[in-house]
Amino acid sequence: DTRDWSSDVCSSDLFFIVQESENFMDKNKMQVRSRGLYSYSHDNGVNVVSENNINDYYILPDEQKLYYYVTGEGLYVSDISSETSQNIYAST
């Protein structure tokens, strides 16, 4: 049996981080910086969730929640359905 996954994929948002890196060969060091967190849906295309330096993110699809950490700011939670975000833990 084969299954058509297109309805599953198109019915939910996909999230991704765009990153850039700079290599310092003389110092044996690499710097990686996020250029933001984005979502993609078949109906709406690409949307910006945050343009900040995102370190990581985690999705709870059953609760429609997206958690993401902004370097130097803290942990945010975003309600996927209403597209609202709030800082729930400030970094020190």
PDB file of N, CA and C in Angstrom:
ATOM      1  N   ASP A   1       0.831  -1.190   0.000  1.00  0.00           N
ATOM      2  CA  ASP A   1       0.000   0.000   0.000  1.00  0.00           C
ATOM      3  C   ASP A   1       0.875   1.254   0.000  1.00  0.00           C
ATOM      4  N   THR A   2       0.393   2.277  -0.682  1.00  0.00           N
ATOM      5  CA  THR A   2       1.049   3.579  -0.630  1.00  0.00           C
ATOM      6  C   THR A   2       0.084   4.567  -0.019  1.00  0.00           C
ATOM      7  N   ARG A   3       0.640   5.606   0.538  1.00  0.00           N
ATOM      8  CA  ARG A   3      -0.189   6.618   1.185  1.00  0.00           C
ATOM      9  C   ARG A   3       0.159   7.980   0.622  1.00  0.00           C
ATOM     10  N   ASP A   4      -0.839   8.817   0.408  1.00  0.00           N
ATOM     11  CA  ASP A   4      -0.626  10.176  -0.062  1.00  0.00           C
ATOM     12  C   ASP A   4      -0.421  11.080   1.159  1.00  0.00           C
ATOM     13  N   TRP A   5       0.814  11.539   1.357  1.00  0.00           N
ATOM     14  CA  TRP A   5       1.145  12.369   2.510  1.00  0.00           C
ATOM     15  C   TRP A   5       0.887  13.848   2.246  1.00  0.00           C
ATOM     16  N   SER A   6       0.518  14.216   1.036  1.00  0.00           N
ATOM     17  CA  SER A   6       0.406  15.633   0.700  1.00  0.00           C
ATOM     18  C   SER A   6      -0.613  16.358   1.569  1.00  0.00           C
ATOM     19  N   SER A   7      -1.721  15.714   1.917  1.00  0.00           N
ATOM     20  CA  SER A   7      -2.716  16.395   2.751  1.00  0.00           C
ATOM     21  C   SER A   7      -2.180  16.631   4.155  1.00  0.00           C
ATOM     22  N   ASP A   8      -1.357  15.715   4.677  1.00  0.00           N
ATOM     23  CA  ASP A   8      -0.761  15.912   6.003  1.00  0.00           C
ATOM     24  C   ASP A   8       0.227  17.071   5.990  1.00  0.00           C
ATOM     25  N   VAL A   9       1.058  17.113   4.970  1.00  0.00           N
ATOM     26  CA  VAL A   9       2.084  18.152   4.887  1.00  0.00           C
ATOM     27  C   VAL A   9       1.450  19.515   4.661  1.00  0.00           C
ATOM     28  N   CYS A  10       0.487  19.592   3.795  1.00  0.00           N
ATOM     29  CA  CYS A  10      -0.119  20.873   3.453  1.00  0.00           C
ATOM     30  C   CYS A  10      -1.031  21.413   4.543  1.00  0.00           C
ATOM     31  N   SER A  11      -1.459  20.563   5.455  1.00  0.00           N
ATOM     32  CA  SER A  11      -2.390  21.019   6.480  1.00  0.00           C
ATOM     33  C   SER A  11      -1.688  21.644   7.678  1.00  0.00           C
ATOM     34  N   SER A  12      -0.369  21.583   7.744  1.00  0.00           N
ATOM     35  CA  SER A  12       0.327  22.151   8.887  1.00  0.00           C
ATOM     36  C   SER A  12       1.519  22.982   8.427  1.00  0.00           C
ATOM     37  N   ASP A  13       1.954  23.887   9.322  1.00  0.00           N
ATOM     38  CA  ASP A  13       3.113  24.716   9.019  1.00  0.00           C
ATOM     39  C   ASP A  13       4.396  23.928   9.192  1.00  0.00           C
ATOM     40  N   LEU A  14       5.378  24.266   8.392  1.00  0.00           N
ATOM     41  CA  LEU A  14       6.734  23.758   8.546  1.00  0.00           C
ATOM     42  C   LEU A  14       7.575  24.919   9.050  1.00  0.00           C
ATOM     43  N   PHE A  15       8.474  24.669   9.996  1.00  0.00           N
ATOM     44  CA  PHE A  15       9.305  25.719  10.572  1.00  0.00           C
ATOM     45  C   PHE A  15      10.760  25.477  10.229  1.00  0.00           C
ATOM     46  N   PHE A  16      11.516  26.568  10.051  1.00  0.00           N
ATOM     47  CA  PHE A  16      12.936  26.437   9.751  1.00  0.00           C
ATOM     48  C   PHE A  16      13.684  27.683  10.188  1.00  0.00           C
ATOM     49  N   ILE A  17      14.980  27.490  10.472  1.00  0.00           N
ATOM     50  CA  ILE A  17      15.884  28.575  10.852  1.00  0.00           C
ATOM     51  C   ILE A  17      16.850  28.797   9.696  1.00  0.00           C
ATOM     52  N   VAL A  18      17.097  30.056   9.381  1.00  0.00           N
ATOM     53  CA  VAL A  18      18.113  30.403   8.386  1.00  0.00           C
ATOM     54  C   VAL A  18      19.352  30.835   9.164  1.00  0.00           C
ATOM     55  N   GLN A  19      20.485  30.180   8.877  1.00  0.00           N
ATOM     56  CA  GLN A  19      21.710  30.487   9.608  1.00  0.00           C
ATOM     57  C   GLN A  19      22.817  30.904   8.654  1.00  0.00           C
ATOM     58  N   GLU A  20      23.744  31.681   9.185  1.00  0.00           N
ATOM     59  CA  GLU A  20      24.952  32.030   8.452  1.00  0.00           C
ATOM     60  C   GLU A  20      26.146  31.710   9.352  1.00  0.00           C
ATOM     61  N   SER A  21      27.251  31.397   8.760  1.00  0.00           N
ATOM     62  CA  SER A  21      28.438  31.096   9.558  1.00  0.00           C
ATOM     63  C   SER A  21      29.641  31.823   8.975  1.00  0.00           C
ATOM     64  N   GLU A  22      30.576  32.114   9.867  1.00  0.00           N
ATOM     65  CA  GLU A  22      31.824  32.752   9.473  1.00  0.00           C
ATOM     66  C   GLU A  22      32.957  31.938  10.066  1.00  0.00           C
ATOM     67  N   ASN A  23      33.906  31.579   9.245  1.00  0.00           N
ATOM     68  CA  ASN A  23      35.017  30.748   9.661  1.00  0.00           C
ATOM     69  C   ASN A  23      36.262  31.613   9.846  1.00  0.00           C
ATOM     70  N   PHE A  24      36.858  31.571  11.026  1.00  0.00           N
ATOM     71  CA  PHE A  24      38.085  32.302  11.319  1.00  0.00           C
ATOM     72  C   PHE A  24      39.237  31.301  11.342  1.00  0.00           C
ATOM     73  N   MET A  25      39.802  31.029  10.184  1.00  0.00           N
ATOM     74  CA  MET A  25      40.839  29.998  10.055  1.00  0.00           C
ATOM     75  C   MET A  25      42.063  30.302  10.914  1.00  0.00           C
ATOM     76  N   ASP A  26      42.434  31.575  11.025  1.00  0.00           N
ATOM     77  CA  ASP A  26      43.625  31.920  11.793  1.00  0.00           C
ATOM     78  C   ASP A  26      43.435  31.699  13.295  1.00  0.00           C
ATOM     79  N   LYS A  27      42.193  31.645  13.756  1.00  0.00           N
ATOM     80  CA  LYS A  27      41.915  31.467  15.188  1.00  0.00           C
ATOM     81  C   LYS A  27      41.272  30.122  15.493  1.00  0.00           C
ATOM     82  N   ASN A  28      41.130  29.242  14.478  1.00  0.00           N
ATOM     83  CA  ASN A  28      40.476  27.940  14.671  1.00  0.00           C
ATOM     84  C   ASN A  28      39.098  28.100  15.305  1.00  0.00           C
ATOM     85  N   LYS A  29      38.328  29.017  14.770  1.00  0.00           N
ATOM     86  CA  LYS A  29      37.045  29.357  15.374  1.00  0.00           C
ATOM     87  C   LYS A  29      35.994  29.544  14.280  1.00  0.00           C
ATOM     88  N   MET A  30      34.761  29.176  14.607  1.00  0.00           N
ATOM     89  CA  MET A  30      33.642  29.395  13.698  1.00  0.00           C
ATOM     90  C   MET A  30      32.517  30.081  14.467  1.00  0.00           C
ATOM     91  N   GLN A  31      31.924  31.077  13.856  1.00  0.00           N
ATOM     92  CA  GLN A  31      30.800  31.786  14.468  1.00  0.00           C
ATOM     93  C   GLN A  31      29.551  31.507  13.635  1.00  0.00           C
ATOM     94  N   VAL A  32      28.489  31.051  14.305  1.00  0.00           N
ATOM     95  CA  VAL A  32      27.222  30.761  13.633  1.00  0.00           C
ATOM     96  C   VAL A  32      26.158  31.677  14.217  1.00  0.00           C
ATOM     97  N   ARG A  33      25.395  32.298  13.346  1.00  0.00           N
ATOM     98  CA  ARG A  33      24.332  33.205  13.769  1.00  0.00           C
ATOM     99  C   ARG A  33      23.072  32.905  12.976  1.00  0.00           C
ATOM    100  N   SER A  34      21.951  32.910  13.678  1.00  0.00           N
ATOM    101  CA  SER A  34      20.658  32.707  13.028  1.00  0.00           C
ATOM    102  C   SER A  34      20.174  34.034  12.460  1.00  0.00           C
ATOM    103  N   ARG A  35      19.573  33.970  11.297  1.00  0.00           N
ATOM    104  CA  ARG A  35      18.965  35.158  10.694  1.00  0.00           C
ATOM    105  C   ARG A  35      17.457  35.163  10.905  1.00  0.00           C
ATOM    106  N   GLY A  36      16.970  34.229  11.724  1.00  0.00           N
ATOM    107  CA  GLY A  36      15.549  34.240  12.058  1.00  0.00           C
ATOM    108  C   GLY A  36      14.905  32.872  11.983  1.00  0.00           C
ATOM    109  N   LEU A  37      13.692  32.828  12.489  1.00  0.00           N
ATOM    110  CA  LEU A  37      12.857  31.634  12.473  1.00  0.00           C
ATOM    111  C   LEU A  37      11.663  31.927  11.579  1.00  0.00           C
ATOM    112  N   TYR A  38      11.378  31.010  10.673  1.00  0.00           N
ATOM    113  CA  TYR A  38      10.338  31.216   9.676  1.00  0.00           C
ATOM    114  C   TYR A  38       9.389  30.027   9.648  1.00  0.00           C
ATOM    115  N   SER A  39       8.180  30.273   9.160  1.00  0.00           N
ATOM    116  CA  SER A  39       7.225  29.195   8.957  1.00  0.00           C
ATOM    117  C   SER A  39       6.829  29.175   7.485  1.00  0.00           C
ATOM    118  N   TYR A  40       6.449  28.003   7.036  1.00  0.00           N
ATOM    119  CA  TYR A  40       5.955  27.860   5.671  1.00  0.00           C
ATOM    120  C   TYR A  40       4.663  27.056   5.700  1.00  0.00           C
ATOM    121  N   SER A  41       3.666  27.546   5.023  1.00  0.00           N
ATOM    122  CA  SER A  41       2.440  26.777   4.833  1.00  0.00           C
ATOM    123  C   SER A  41       2.067  26.851   3.360  1.00  0.00           C
ATOM    124  N   HIS A  42       1.413  25.823   2.902  1.00  0.00           N
ATOM    125  CA  HIS A  42       1.014  25.758   1.495  1.00  0.00           C
ATOM    126  C   HIS A  42       0.106  26.932   1.136  1.00  0.00           C
ATOM    127  N   ASP A  43      -0.771  27.311   2.054  1.00  0.00           N
ATOM    128  CA  ASP A  43      -1.726  28.387   1.773  1.00  0.00           C
ATOM    129  C   ASP A  43      -1.117  29.785   1.855  1.00  0.00           C
ATOM    130  N   ASN A  44      -0.201  30.009   2.817  1.00  0.00           N
ATOM    131  CA  ASN A  44       0.304  31.359   3.081  1.00  0.00           C
ATOM    132  C   ASN A  44       1.742  31.605   2.656  1.00  0.00           C
ATOM    133  N   GLY A  45       2.451  30.587   2.209  1.00  0.00           N
ATOM    134  CA  GLY A  45       3.858  30.774   1.845  1.00  0.00           C
ATOM    135  C   GLY A  45       4.736  30.918   3.072  1.00  0.00           C
ATOM    136  N   VAL A  46       5.804  31.722   2.958  1.00  0.00           N
ATOM    137  CA  VAL A  46       6.773  31.906   4.041  1.00  0.00           C
ATOM    138  C   VAL A  46       6.384  33.117   4.885  1.00  0.00           C
ATOM    139  N   ASN A  47       6.412  32.940   6.209  1.00  0.00           N
ATOM    140  CA  ASN A  47       6.139  34.023   7.161  1.00  0.00           C
ATOM    141  C   ASN A  47       7.243  34.075   8.201  1.00  0.00           C
ATOM    142  N   VAL A  48       7.540  35.273   8.681  1.00  0.00           N
ATOM    143  CA  VAL A  48       8.556  35.474   9.715  1.00  0.00           C
ATOM    144  C   VAL A  48       7.926  35.232  11.086  1.00  0.00           C
ATOM    145  N   VAL A  49       8.536  34.345  11.877  1.00  0.00           N
ATOM    146  CA  VAL A  49       8.144  34.171  13.273  1.00  0.00           C
ATOM    147  C   VAL A  49       8.957  35.143  14.119  1.00  0.00           C
ATOM    148  N   SER A  50      10.276  35.164  13.886  1.00  0.00           N
ATOM    149  CA  SER A  50      11.175  36.079  14.590  1.00  0.00           C
ATOM    150  C   SER A  50      12.414  36.303  13.733  1.00  0.00           C
ATOM    151  N   GLU A  51      12.890  37.550  13.679  1.00  0.00           N
ATOM    152  CA  GLU A  51      14.118  37.854  12.941  1.00  0.00           C
ATOM    153  C   GLU A  51      15.334  37.892  13.855  1.00  0.00           C
ATOM    154  N   ASN A  52      15.169  37.475  15.095  1.00  0.00           N
ATOM    155  CA  ASN A  52      16.256  37.488  16.066  1.00  0.00           C
ATOM    156  C   ASN A  52      17.186  36.291  15.883  1.00  0.00           C
ATOM    157  N   ASN A  53      18.263  36.263  16.671  1.00  0.00           N
ATOM    158  CA  ASN A  53      19.252  35.187  16.644  1.00  0.00           C
ATOM    159  C   ASN A  53      18.694  33.985  17.418  1.00  0.00           C
ATOM    160  N   ILE A  54      18.003  33.101  16.710  1.00  0.00           N
ATOM    161  CA  ILE A  54      17.349  31.937  17.325  1.00  0.00           C
ATOM    162  C   ILE A  54      18.377  30.830  17.524  1.00  0.00           C
ATOM    163  N   ASN A  55      18.449  30.318  18.747  1.00  0.00           N
ATOM    164  CA  ASN A  55      19.379  29.250  19.061  1.00  0.00           C
ATOM    165  C   ASN A  55      18.780  27.882  18.770  1.00  0.00           C
ATOM    166  N   ASP A  56      17.501  27.702  19.116  1.00  0.00           N
ATOM    167  CA  ASP A  56      16.835  26.408  18.930  1.00  0.00           C
ATOM    168  C   ASP A  56      15.329  26.616  19.030  1.00  0.00           C
ATOM    169  N   TYR A  57      14.565  25.621  18.568  1.00  0.00           N
ATOM    170  CA  TYR A  57      13.115  25.689  18.698  1.00  0.00           C
ATOM    171  C   TYR A  57      12.539  24.292  18.860  1.00  0.00           C
ATOM    172  N   TYR A  58      11.315  24.240  19.413  1.00  0.00           N
ATOM    173  CA  TYR A  58      10.637  22.974  19.662  1.00  0.00           C
ATOM    174  C   TYR A  58       9.144  23.185  19.441  1.00  0.00           C
ATOM    175  N   ILE A  59       8.493  22.252  18.780  1.00  0.00           N
ATOM    176  CA  ILE A  59       7.074  22.370  18.457  1.00  0.00           C
ATOM    177  C   ILE A  59       6.270  21.322  19.230  1.00  0.00           C
ATOM    178  N   LEU A  60       5.161  21.755  19.841  1.00  0.00           N
ATOM    179  CA  LEU A  60       4.182  20.850  20.441  1.00  0.00           C
ATOM    180  C   LEU A  60       2.927  20.931  19.572  1.00  0.00           C
ATOM    181  N   PRO A  61       2.838  20.092  18.530  1.00  0.00           N
ATOM    182  CA  PRO A  61       1.748  20.222  17.560  1.00  0.00           C
ATOM    183  C   PRO A  61       0.361  20.013  18.155  1.00  0.00           C
ATOM    184  N   ASP A  62       0.211  19.130  19.127  1.00  0.00           N
ATOM    185  CA  ASP A  62      -1.106  18.892  19.724  1.00  0.00           C
ATOM    186  C   ASP A  62      -1.630  20.116  20.463  1.00  0.00           C
ATOM    187  N   GLU A  63      -0.702  20.913  21.013  1.00  0.00           N
ATOM    188  CA  GLU A  63      -1.082  22.116  21.752  1.00  0.00           C
ATOM    189  C   GLU A  63      -0.999  23.374  20.885  1.00  0.00           C
ATOM    190  N   GLN A  64      -0.543  23.230  19.634  1.00  0.00           N
ATOM    191  CA  GLN A  64      -0.351  24.374  18.730  1.00  0.00           C
ATOM    192  C   GLN A  64       0.593  25.415  19.334  1.00  0.00           C
ATOM    193  N   LYS A  65       1.684  24.921  19.972  1.00  0.00           N
ATOM    194  CA  LYS A  65       2.672  25.804  20.595  1.00  0.00           C
ATOM    195  C   LYS A  65       4.034  25.607  19.955  1.00  0.00           C
ATOM    196  N   LEU A  66       4.748  26.702  19.801  1.00  0.00           N
ATOM    197  CA  LEU A  66       6.114  26.711  19.298  1.00  0.00           C
ATOM    198  C   LEU A  66       6.964  27.420  20.344  1.00  0.00           C
ATOM    199  N   TYR A  67       7.981  26.738  20.857  1.00  0.00           N
ATOM    200  CA  TYR A  67       8.907  27.329  21.813  1.00  0.00           C
ATOM    201  C   TYR A  67      10.211  27.609  21.082  1.00  0.00           C
ATOM    202  N   TYR A  68      10.799  28.776  21.310  1.00  0.00           N
ATOM    203  CA  TYR A  68      12.084  29.083  20.690  1.00  0.00           C
ATOM    204  C   TYR A  68      12.919  29.961  21.616  1.00  0.00           C
ATOM    205  N   TYR A  69      14.243  29.785  21.524  1.00  0.00           N
ATOM    206  CA  TYR A  69      15.166  30.508  22.387  1.00  0.00           C
ATOM    207  C   TYR A  69      15.912  31.540  21.562  1.00  0.00           C
ATOM    208  N   VAL A  70      15.816  32.811  21.992  1.00  0.00           N
ATOM    209  CA  VAL A  70      16.522  33.910  21.338  1.00  0.00           C
ATOM    210  C   VAL A  70      17.780  34.198  22.151  1.00  0.00           C
ATOM    211  N   THR A  71      18.931  34.088  21.514  1.00  0.00           N
ATOM    212  CA  THR A  71      20.211  34.325  22.177  1.00  0.00           C
ATOM    213  C   THR A  71      20.227  35.732  22.783  1.00  0.00           C
ATOM    214  N   GLY A  72      20.541  35.806  24.075  1.00  0.00           N
ATOM    215  CA  GLY A  72      20.624  37.081  24.769  1.00  0.00           C
ATOM    216  C   GLY A  72      19.295  37.625  25.268  1.00  0.00           C
ATOM    217  N   GLU A  73      18.170  36.992  24.908  1.00  0.00           N
ATOM    218  CA  GLU A  73      16.855  37.476  25.349  1.00  0.00           C
ATOM    219  C   GLU A  73      16.131  36.469  26.224  1.00  0.00           C
ATOM    220  N   GLY A  74      16.043  35.213  25.786  1.00  0.00           N
ATOM    221  CA  GLY A  74      15.383  34.203  26.588  1.00  0.00           C
ATOM    222  C   GLY A  74      14.464  33.314  25.777  1.00  0.00           C
ATOM    223  N   LEU A  75      13.608  32.602  26.507  1.00  0.00           N
ATOM    224  CA  LEU A  75      12.708  31.618  25.918  1.00  0.00           C
ATOM    225  C   LEU A  75      11.358  32.256  25.599  1.00  0.00           C
ATOM    226  N   TYR A  76      10.868  32.001  24.399  1.00  0.00           N
ATOM    227  CA  TYR A  76       9.576  32.512  23.947  1.00  0.00           C
ATOM    228  C   TYR A  76       8.646  31.347  23.666  1.00  0.00           C
ATOM    229  N   VAL A  77       7.342  31.611  23.793  1.00  0.00           N
ATOM    230  CA  VAL A  77       6.333  30.662  23.358  1.00  0.00           C
ATOM    231  C   VAL A  77       5.450  31.388  22.357  1.00  0.00           C
ATOM    232  N   SER A  78       5.118  30.693  21.295  1.00  0.00           N
ATOM    233  CA  SER A  78       4.268  31.252  20.258  1.00  0.00           C
ATOM    234  C   SER A  78       3.063  30.347  20.070  1.00  0.00           C
ATOM    235  N   ASP A  79       1.885  30.956  20.050  1.00  0.00           N
ATOM    236  CA  ASP A  79       0.664  30.224  19.746  1.00  0.00           C
ATOM    237  C   ASP A  79       0.569  30.166  18.224  1.00  0.00           C
ATOM    238  N   ILE A  80       0.694  28.975  17.663  1.00  0.00           N
ATOM    239  CA  ILE A  80       0.752  28.817  16.211  1.00  0.00           C
ATOM    240  C   ILE A  80      -0.538  29.286  15.551  1.00  0.00           C
ATOM    241  N   SER A  81      -1.658  28.998  16.158  1.00  0.00           N
ATOM    242  CA  SER A  81      -2.934  29.344  15.530  1.00  0.00           C
ATOM    243  C   SER A  81      -3.195  30.850  15.520  1.00  0.00           C
ATOM    244  N   SER A  82      -2.786  31.566  16.564  1.00  0.00           N
ATOM    245  CA  SER A  82      -3.030  33.012  16.613  1.00  0.00           C
ATOM    246  C   SER A  82      -1.807  33.833  16.207  1.00  0.00           C
ATOM    247  N   GLU A  83      -0.655  33.177  16.023  1.00  0.00           N
ATOM    248  CA  GLU A  83       0.597  33.817  15.618  1.00  0.00           C
ATOM    249  C   GLU A  83       1.022  34.906  16.608  1.00  0.00           C
ATOM    250  N   THR A  84       0.806  34.674  17.900  1.00  0.00           N
ATOM    251  CA  THR A  84       1.258  35.593  18.931  1.00  0.00           C
ATOM    252  C   THR A  84       2.388  34.947  19.720  1.00  0.00           C
ATOM    253  N   SER A  85       3.359  35.759  20.147  1.00  0.00           N
ATOM    254  CA  SER A  85       4.508  35.258  20.900  1.00  0.00           C
ATOM    255  C   SER A  85       4.688  36.086  22.164  1.00  0.00           C
ATOM    256  N   GLN A  86       5.251  35.438  23.191  1.00  0.00           N
ATOM    257  CA  GLN A  86       5.608  36.157  24.400  1.00  0.00           C
ATOM    258  C   GLN A  86       6.836  35.532  25.038  1.00  0.00           C
ATOM    259  N   ASN A  87       7.640  36.378  25.671  1.00  0.00           N
ATOM    260  CA  ASN A  87       8.823  35.932  26.383  1.00  0.00           C
ATOM    261  C   ASN A  87       8.367  35.333  27.707  1.00  0.00           C
ATOM    262  N   ILE A  88       8.713  34.050  27.940  1.00  0.00           N
ATOM    263  CA  ILE A  88       8.289  33.387  29.179  1.00  0.00           C
ATOM    264  C   ILE A  88       9.444  33.172  30.151  1.00  0.00           C
ATOM    265  N   TYR A  89      10.683  33.385  29.666  1.00  0.00           N
ATOM    266  CA  TYR A  89      11.844  33.251  30.546  1.00  0.00           C
ATOM    267  C   TYR A  89      12.959  34.128  30.008  1.00  0.00           C
ATOM    268  N   ALA A  90      13.289  35.179  30.737  1.00  0.00           N
ATOM    269  CA  ALA A  90      14.336  36.097  30.297  1.00  0.00           C
ATOM    270  C   ALA A  90      15.714  35.540  30.613  1.00  0.00           C
ATOM    271  N   SER A  91      16.640  35.691  29.687  1.00  0.00           N
ATOM    272  CA  SER A  91      18.010  35.237  29.949  1.00  0.00           C
ATOM    273  C   SER A  91      18.709  36.278  30.829  1.00  0.00           C
ATOM    274  N   THR A  92      19.694  35.808  31.564  1.00  0.00           N
ATOM    275  CA  THR A  92      20.396  36.721  32.471  1.00  0.00           C
ATOM    276  C   THR A  92      21.789  36.996  32.002  1.00  0.00           C
TER     277      THR A  92
END
